[in-house]
């Protein structure tokens, strides 16, 4: 056995600070608000509204990730967006619904999920500490 430090993923996880948890909760709520607003806008002004709704989600997810410096800050608003949009897809007992059965609604749902995955991938990940030399040296 070598006397090396364990890899980054093998180190014990630390509890997030109160400020970071509050920021993630705020991003989650903002993601839900952007999801509701996007659901209302995307069908109103079809091509422009759809692009505006998806750009709003991308801006929130990437902005949260860049602001907090972690991928979790991109996942929090994406989770809020997804939960809000899934709840809006259910029809009510009165027969009311938010999403029509058109192609724009499906583009909003699938495009929003794709935007969430792309933003979570582009977010900055954790890097091991130390100098900027290659890890293999």
N, C-alpha and C. Protein backbone atom coordinates (compact mmCIF):
# COMPACT_ATOMS: atom_id res chain seq x y z
N UNK A 1 0.84 -1.18 0.00
CA UNK A 1 0.00 0.00 0.00
C UNK A 1 0.88 1.24 0.00
N UNK A 2 0.50 2.19 -0.79
CA UNK A 2 1.27 3.42 -0.86
C UNK A 2 0.74 4.43 0.16
N UNK A 3 1.55 5.42 0.43
CA UNK A 3 1.23 6.42 1.43
C UNK A 3 0.69 7.68 0.75
N UNK A 4 -0.16 7.49 -0.22
CA UNK A 4 -0.73 8.61 -0.96
C UNK A 4 -2.05 9.03 -0.34
N UNK A 5 -2.45 10.26 -0.65
CA UNK A 5 -3.75 10.72 -0.18
C UNK A 5 -4.83 10.09 -1.05
N UNK A 6 -5.99 9.85 -0.48
CA UNK A 6 -7.05 9.22 -1.27
C UNK A 6 -7.55 10.17 -2.34
N UNK A 7 -8.12 9.64 -3.40
CA UNK A 7 -8.66 10.51 -4.44
C UNK A 7 -9.77 11.40 -3.89
N UNK A 8 -10.12 12.42 -4.65
CA UNK A 8 -11.08 13.41 -4.21
C UNK A 8 -12.43 12.78 -3.89
N UNK A 9 -12.85 11.83 -4.67
CA UNK A 9 -14.17 11.23 -4.44
C UNK A 9 -14.18 10.30 -3.24
N UNK A 10 -13.03 9.83 -2.80
CA UNK A 10 -12.98 8.92 -1.67
C UNK A 10 -12.90 9.67 -0.35
N UNK A 11 -12.73 10.99 -0.37
CA UNK A 11 -12.67 11.75 0.86
C UNK A 11 -14.07 11.88 1.44
N UNK A 12 -14.18 11.98 2.77
CA UNK A 12 -15.51 12.07 3.38
C UNK A 12 -16.20 13.39 2.97
N UNK A 13 -17.50 13.30 2.79
CA UNK A 13 -18.27 14.48 2.41
C UNK A 13 -18.48 15.38 3.61
N UNK A 14 -18.42 16.67 3.37
CA UNK A 14 -18.66 17.63 4.42
C UNK A 14 -20.08 18.17 4.27
N UNK A 15 -20.66 18.54 5.39
CA UNK A 15 -22.00 19.11 5.35
C UNK A 15 -21.93 20.50 4.74
N UNK A 16 -22.88 20.85 3.88
CA UNK A 16 -22.85 22.19 3.29
C UNK A 16 -23.17 23.24 4.34
N UNK A 17 -22.63 24.41 4.14
CA UNK A 17 -22.88 25.50 5.07
C UNK A 17 -24.33 25.97 4.95
N UNK A 18 -24.77 26.74 5.93
CA UNK A 18 -26.14 27.24 5.92
C UNK A 18 -26.37 28.16 4.73
N UNK A 19 -25.38 28.99 4.41
CA UNK A 19 -25.51 29.90 3.27
C UNK A 19 -25.64 29.17 1.95
N UNK A 20 -24.86 28.12 1.77
CA UNK A 20 -24.93 27.34 0.53
C UNK A 20 -26.27 26.62 0.43
N UNK A 21 -26.76 26.07 1.54
CA UNK A 21 -28.05 25.38 1.52
C UNK A 21 -29.18 26.38 1.22
N UNK A 22 -29.09 27.58 1.78
CA UNK A 22 -30.10 28.60 1.50
C UNK A 22 -30.04 29.05 0.04
N UNK A 23 -28.84 29.14 -0.52
CA UNK A 23 -28.71 29.51 -1.93
C UNK A 23 -29.30 28.43 -2.82
N UNK A 24 -29.06 27.16 -2.51
CA UNK A 24 -29.63 26.08 -3.30
C UNK A 24 -31.16 26.07 -3.20
N UNK A 25 -31.68 26.32 -2.02
CA UNK A 25 -33.14 26.39 -1.86
C UNK A 25 -33.72 27.55 -2.65
N UNK A 26 -33.05 28.70 -2.62
CA UNK A 26 -33.49 29.85 -3.41
C UNK A 26 -33.45 29.56 -4.90
N UNK A 27 -32.40 28.89 -5.35
CA UNK A 27 -32.32 28.51 -6.77
C UNK A 27 -33.40 27.51 -7.15
N UNK A 28 -33.74 26.61 -6.23
CA UNK A 28 -34.82 25.65 -6.47
C UNK A 28 -36.14 26.38 -6.67
N UNK A 29 -36.44 27.35 -5.80
CA UNK A 29 -37.68 28.11 -5.90
C UNK A 29 -37.69 28.96 -7.17
N UNK A 30 -36.57 29.59 -7.50
CA UNK A 30 -36.48 30.36 -8.73
C UNK A 30 -36.68 29.47 -9.96
N UNK A 31 -36.16 28.25 -9.92
CA UNK A 31 -36.36 27.31 -11.02
C UNK A 31 -37.83 26.97 -11.19
N UNK A 32 -38.55 26.81 -10.08
CA UNK A 32 -39.99 26.54 -10.18
C UNK A 32 -40.73 27.74 -10.76
N UNK A 33 -40.33 28.94 -10.37
CA UNK A 33 -40.97 30.15 -10.90
C UNK A 33 -40.70 30.29 -12.40
N UNK A 34 -39.46 30.03 -12.81
CA UNK A 34 -39.12 30.10 -14.24
C UNK A 34 -39.87 29.02 -15.02
N UNK A 35 -40.09 27.86 -14.43
CA UNK A 35 -40.85 26.80 -15.10
C UNK A 35 -42.30 27.19 -15.31
N UNK A 36 -42.91 27.78 -14.29
CA UNK A 36 -44.31 28.23 -14.42
C UNK A 36 -44.41 29.35 -15.45
N UNK A 37 -43.51 30.33 -15.36
CA UNK A 37 -43.54 31.44 -16.32
C UNK A 37 -43.28 30.95 -17.74
N UNK A 38 -42.35 30.04 -17.90
CA UNK A 38 -42.06 29.49 -19.23
C UNK A 38 -43.23 28.70 -19.79
N UNK A 39 -43.95 27.99 -18.92
CA UNK A 39 -45.11 27.24 -19.39
C UNK A 39 -46.20 28.17 -19.91
N UNK A 40 -46.32 29.34 -19.31
CA UNK A 40 -47.33 30.29 -19.76
C UNK A 40 -46.89 31.06 -20.99
N UNK A 41 -45.60 31.34 -21.11
CA UNK A 41 -45.10 32.16 -22.22
C UNK A 41 -44.89 31.35 -23.49
N UNK A 42 -44.48 30.09 -23.37
CA UNK A 42 -44.08 29.32 -24.54
C UNK A 42 -45.20 29.12 -25.54
N UNK A 43 -46.43 29.06 -25.10
CA UNK A 43 -47.51 28.86 -26.06
C UNK A 43 -48.12 30.19 -26.52
N UNK A 44 -47.88 31.25 -25.76
CA UNK A 44 -48.47 32.54 -26.11
C UNK A 44 -47.84 33.15 -27.35
N UNK A 45 -46.54 33.17 -27.40
CA UNK A 45 -45.81 33.71 -28.56
C UNK A 45 -44.97 32.57 -29.09
N UNK A 46 -45.54 31.70 -29.90
CA UNK A 46 -44.94 30.39 -30.13
C UNK A 46 -43.44 30.37 -30.42
N UNK A 47 -42.93 30.81 -31.51
CA UNK A 47 -41.49 30.53 -31.64
C UNK A 47 -40.67 31.37 -30.68
N UNK A 48 -41.03 32.64 -30.52
CA UNK A 48 -40.26 33.50 -29.62
C UNK A 48 -40.45 33.17 -28.16
N UNK A 49 -41.67 32.81 -27.78
CA UNK A 49 -41.94 32.46 -26.39
C UNK A 49 -41.23 31.19 -25.95
N UNK A 50 -41.17 30.23 -26.85
CA UNK A 50 -40.46 28.98 -26.55
C UNK A 50 -38.98 29.25 -26.35
N UNK A 51 -38.39 30.02 -27.25
CA UNK A 51 -36.97 30.35 -27.11
C UNK A 51 -36.71 31.19 -25.86
N UNK A 52 -37.61 32.11 -25.54
CA UNK A 52 -37.46 32.92 -24.33
C UNK A 52 -37.54 32.07 -23.07
N UNK A 53 -38.47 31.12 -23.05
CA UNK A 53 -38.61 30.25 -21.88
C UNK A 53 -37.38 29.37 -21.68
N UNK A 54 -36.86 28.81 -22.77
CA UNK A 54 -35.67 27.96 -22.65
C UNK A 54 -34.42 28.77 -22.32
N UNK A 55 -34.34 29.99 -22.86
CA UNK A 55 -33.20 30.86 -22.54
C UNK A 55 -33.25 31.30 -21.07
N UNK A 56 -34.45 31.52 -20.55
CA UNK A 56 -34.57 31.86 -19.13
C UNK A 56 -34.10 30.75 -18.22
N UNK A 57 -34.46 29.52 -18.57
CA UNK A 57 -34.00 28.38 -17.77
C UNK A 57 -32.49 28.21 -17.87
N UNK A 58 -31.96 28.34 -19.09
CA UNK A 58 -30.51 28.20 -19.27
C UNK A 58 -29.76 29.29 -18.52
N UNK A 59 -30.27 30.50 -18.56
CA UNK A 59 -29.63 31.60 -17.84
C UNK A 59 -29.62 31.38 -16.33
N UNK A 60 -30.73 30.88 -15.80
CA UNK A 60 -30.79 30.63 -14.36
C UNK A 60 -29.86 29.49 -13.96
N UNK A 61 -29.86 28.40 -14.72
CA UNK A 61 -29.02 27.26 -14.37
C UNK A 61 -27.54 27.59 -14.50
N UNK A 62 -27.14 28.21 -15.60
CA UNK A 62 -25.73 28.57 -15.77
C UNK A 62 -25.31 29.67 -14.81
N UNK A 63 -26.19 30.63 -14.59
CA UNK A 63 -25.86 31.69 -13.64
C UNK A 63 -25.69 31.18 -12.23
N UNK A 64 -26.55 30.24 -11.82
CA UNK A 64 -26.41 29.64 -10.50
C UNK A 64 -25.13 28.84 -10.38
N UNK A 65 -24.78 28.10 -11.43
CA UNK A 65 -23.57 27.29 -11.40
C UNK A 65 -22.33 28.16 -11.36
N UNK A 66 -22.31 29.22 -12.15
CA UNK A 66 -21.14 30.12 -12.15
C UNK A 66 -21.06 30.91 -10.86
N UNK A 67 -22.21 31.32 -10.34
CA UNK A 67 -22.21 32.11 -9.11
C UNK A 67 -21.75 31.33 -7.89
N UNK A 68 -22.22 30.10 -7.78
CA UNK A 68 -21.85 29.29 -6.62
C UNK A 68 -20.59 28.49 -6.86
N UNK A 69 -20.20 28.33 -8.12
CA UNK A 69 -18.98 27.60 -8.42
C UNK A 69 -19.11 26.10 -8.30
N UNK A 70 -20.33 25.57 -8.49
CA UNK A 70 -20.51 24.12 -8.40
C UNK A 70 -21.62 23.68 -9.34
N UNK A 71 -21.59 22.41 -9.67
CA UNK A 71 -22.63 21.87 -10.54
C UNK A 71 -23.95 21.71 -9.82
N UNK A 72 -23.89 21.56 -8.52
CA UNK A 72 -25.12 21.44 -7.73
C UNK A 72 -26.00 22.67 -7.84
N UNK A 73 -25.38 23.82 -8.04
CA UNK A 73 -26.14 25.04 -8.19
C UNK A 73 -26.81 25.12 -9.55
N UNK A 74 -26.45 24.28 -10.49
CA UNK A 74 -27.17 24.18 -11.76
C UNK A 74 -28.27 23.13 -11.67
N UNK A 75 -28.09 22.16 -10.81
CA UNK A 75 -29.08 21.10 -10.66
C UNK A 75 -30.27 21.57 -9.83
N UNK A 76 -30.05 22.44 -8.86
CA UNK A 76 -31.14 22.90 -7.99
C UNK A 76 -32.24 23.62 -8.78
N UNK A 77 -31.93 24.63 -9.62
CA UNK A 77 -33.03 25.24 -10.37
C UNK A 77 -33.62 24.31 -11.42
N UNK A 78 -32.81 23.40 -11.95
CA UNK A 78 -33.33 22.43 -12.92
C UNK A 78 -34.35 21.50 -12.24
N UNK A 79 -34.08 21.11 -11.01
CA UNK A 79 -35.03 20.27 -10.28
C UNK A 79 -36.31 21.03 -9.98
N UNK A 80 -36.20 22.29 -9.58
CA UNK A 80 -37.39 23.10 -9.36
C UNK A 80 -38.20 23.28 -10.62
N UNK A 81 -37.51 23.51 -11.75
CA UNK A 81 -38.18 23.66 -13.04
C UNK A 81 -38.92 22.38 -13.40
N UNK A 82 -38.25 21.24 -13.25
CA UNK A 82 -38.83 19.96 -13.64
C UNK A 82 -40.06 19.63 -12.79
N UNK A 83 -39.99 19.84 -11.49
CA UNK A 83 -41.13 19.53 -10.63
C UNK A 83 -42.31 20.43 -10.96
N UNK A 84 -42.06 21.73 -11.17
CA UNK A 84 -43.15 22.65 -11.50
C UNK A 84 -43.79 22.28 -12.83
N UNK A 85 -42.99 21.96 -13.82
CA UNK A 85 -43.53 21.65 -15.14
C UNK A 85 -44.28 20.32 -15.12
N UNK A 86 -43.78 19.34 -14.41
CA UNK A 86 -44.48 18.05 -14.32
C UNK A 86 -45.81 18.23 -13.61
N UNK A 87 -45.85 19.06 -12.56
CA UNK A 87 -47.12 19.30 -11.88
C UNK A 87 -48.11 20.05 -12.78
N UNK A 88 -47.60 20.89 -13.67
CA UNK A 88 -48.49 21.61 -14.58
C UNK A 88 -49.02 20.75 -15.72
N UNK A 89 -48.38 19.62 -15.99
CA UNK A 89 -48.87 18.76 -17.07
C UNK A 89 -50.11 17.98 -16.67
N UNK A 90 -50.35 17.82 -15.39
CA UNK A 90 -51.52 17.07 -14.94
C UNK A 90 -52.78 17.91 -15.17
N UNK A 91 -53.83 17.24 -15.63
CA UNK A 91 -55.08 17.95 -15.83
C UNK A 91 -55.83 18.04 -14.50
N UNK A 92 -56.64 19.04 -14.40
CA UNK A 92 -57.42 19.26 -13.18
C UNK A 92 -58.77 18.57 -13.31
N UNK A 93 -59.50 18.38 -12.20
CA UNK A 93 -60.82 17.74 -12.29
C UNK A 93 -61.82 18.54 -13.13
N UNK A 94 -61.60 19.85 -13.22
CA UNK A 94 -62.51 20.67 -14.03
C UNK A 94 -62.24 20.52 -15.52
N UNK A 95 -61.15 19.89 -15.89
CA UNK A 95 -60.80 19.71 -17.29
C UNK A 95 -59.82 20.75 -17.80
N UNK A 96 -59.37 21.65 -16.93
CA UNK A 96 -58.42 22.68 -17.33
C UNK A 96 -57.02 22.07 -17.41
N UNK A 97 -56.20 22.64 -18.30
CA UNK A 97 -54.81 22.23 -18.40
C UNK A 97 -53.99 23.39 -18.93
N UNK A 98 -52.69 23.35 -18.67
CA UNK A 98 -51.80 24.42 -19.10
C UNK A 98 -51.19 24.10 -20.46
N UNK A 99 -50.81 22.85 -20.66
CA UNK A 99 -50.12 22.45 -21.89
C UNK A 99 -51.11 21.87 -22.89
N UNK A 100 -51.05 22.38 -24.10
CA UNK A 100 -51.85 21.80 -25.18
C UNK A 100 -51.10 20.59 -25.74
N UNK A 101 -51.74 19.86 -26.61
CA UNK A 101 -51.13 18.66 -27.18
C UNK A 101 -50.36 18.98 -28.46
N UNK A 102 -49.82 20.17 -28.58
CA UNK A 102 -49.09 20.57 -29.78
C UNK A 102 -47.61 20.28 -29.67
N UNK A 103 -46.93 20.55 -30.77
CA UNK A 103 -45.49 20.30 -30.81
C UNK A 103 -44.70 21.26 -29.95
N UNK A 104 -45.19 22.48 -29.76
CA UNK A 104 -44.48 23.46 -28.94
C UNK A 104 -44.37 23.02 -27.48
N UNK A 105 -45.42 22.38 -26.96
CA UNK A 105 -45.38 21.90 -25.58
C UNK A 105 -44.36 20.79 -25.41
N UNK A 106 -44.30 19.92 -26.38
CA UNK A 106 -43.31 18.84 -26.30
C UNK A 106 -41.89 19.37 -26.46
N UNK A 107 -41.73 20.36 -27.32
CA UNK A 107 -40.41 21.00 -27.45
C UNK A 107 -40.00 21.69 -26.16
N UNK A 108 -40.96 22.30 -25.47
CA UNK A 108 -40.67 22.94 -24.19
C UNK A 108 -40.26 21.92 -23.14
N UNK A 109 -41.00 20.83 -23.05
CA UNK A 109 -40.68 19.81 -22.05
C UNK A 109 -39.34 19.13 -22.32
N UNK A 110 -39.16 18.64 -23.53
CA UNK A 110 -37.92 17.93 -23.86
C UNK A 110 -36.73 18.89 -23.97
N UNK A 111 -36.96 20.07 -24.54
CA UNK A 111 -35.90 21.06 -24.64
C UNK A 111 -35.45 21.56 -23.28
N UNK A 112 -36.41 21.73 -22.36
CA UNK A 112 -36.05 22.16 -21.01
C UNK A 112 -35.22 21.13 -20.27
N UNK A 113 -35.55 19.86 -20.46
CA UNK A 113 -34.75 18.80 -19.84
C UNK A 113 -33.35 18.75 -20.45
N UNK A 114 -33.27 18.93 -21.76
CA UNK A 114 -31.95 18.94 -22.42
C UNK A 114 -31.13 20.14 -21.96
N UNK A 115 -31.76 21.29 -21.83
CA UNK A 115 -31.05 22.48 -21.34
C UNK A 115 -30.54 22.25 -19.93
N UNK A 116 -31.33 21.61 -19.08
CA UNK A 116 -30.91 21.34 -17.71
C UNK A 116 -29.68 20.43 -17.68
N UNK A 117 -29.68 19.40 -18.50
CA UNK A 117 -28.53 18.48 -18.54
C UNK A 117 -27.29 19.20 -19.08
N UNK A 118 -27.47 20.00 -20.12
CA UNK A 118 -26.34 20.72 -20.70
C UNK A 118 -25.75 21.70 -19.68
N UNK A 119 -26.60 22.43 -18.98
CA UNK A 119 -26.11 23.40 -18.00
C UNK A 119 -25.42 22.72 -16.82
N UNK A 120 -25.94 21.57 -16.38
CA UNK A 120 -25.29 20.85 -15.29
C UNK A 120 -23.94 20.30 -15.73
N UNK A 121 -23.82 19.95 -17.00
CA UNK A 121 -22.54 19.45 -17.51
C UNK A 121 -21.53 20.58 -17.67
N UNK A 122 -21.99 21.75 -18.11
CA UNK A 122 -21.09 22.88 -18.32
C UNK A 122 -20.67 23.57 -17.02
N UNK A 123 -21.38 23.32 -15.94
CA UNK A 123 -21.04 23.95 -14.67
C UNK A 123 -19.67 23.53 -14.18
N UNK A 124 -19.01 24.41 -13.43
CA UNK A 124 -17.67 24.08 -12.94
C UNK A 124 -17.73 22.95 -11.90
N UNK A 125 -16.87 21.98 -12.06
CA UNK A 125 -16.80 20.86 -11.12
C UNK A 125 -15.72 21.10 -10.08
N UNK A 126 -15.66 20.23 -9.10
CA UNK A 126 -14.63 20.34 -8.07
C UNK A 126 -13.30 19.89 -8.64
N UNK A 127 -12.27 20.62 -8.35
CA UNK A 127 -10.92 20.27 -8.78
C UNK A 127 -10.07 20.00 -7.55
N UNK A 128 -9.15 19.05 -7.63
CA UNK A 128 -8.29 18.79 -6.49
C UNK A 128 -7.38 19.98 -6.22
N UNK A 129 -7.05 20.17 -4.96
CA UNK A 129 -6.17 21.26 -4.57
C UNK A 129 -4.72 21.00 -4.99
N UNK A 130 -3.91 22.01 -4.89
CA UNK A 130 -2.51 21.85 -5.26
C UNK A 130 -2.14 22.77 -6.39
N UNK A 131 -0.92 22.55 -6.91
CA UNK A 131 -0.45 23.43 -7.99
C UNK A 131 -1.12 23.04 -9.32
N UNK A 132 -0.84 23.84 -10.32
CA UNK A 132 -1.50 23.66 -11.61
C UNK A 132 -0.79 22.65 -12.50
N UNK A 133 0.09 21.86 -11.96
CA UNK A 133 0.81 20.86 -12.76
C UNK A 133 -0.12 19.70 -13.07
N UNK A 134 0.27 18.91 -14.02
CA UNK A 134 -0.52 17.74 -14.39
C UNK A 134 -0.56 16.77 -13.23
N UNK A 135 -1.66 16.07 -13.08
CA UNK A 135 -1.83 15.16 -11.95
C UNK A 135 -0.95 13.92 -12.07
N UNK A 136 -0.58 13.51 -13.28
CA UNK A 136 0.19 12.30 -13.46
C UNK A 136 1.65 12.43 -13.10
N UNK A 137 2.14 13.63 -12.85
CA UNK A 137 3.56 13.83 -12.56
C UNK A 137 3.90 13.50 -11.14
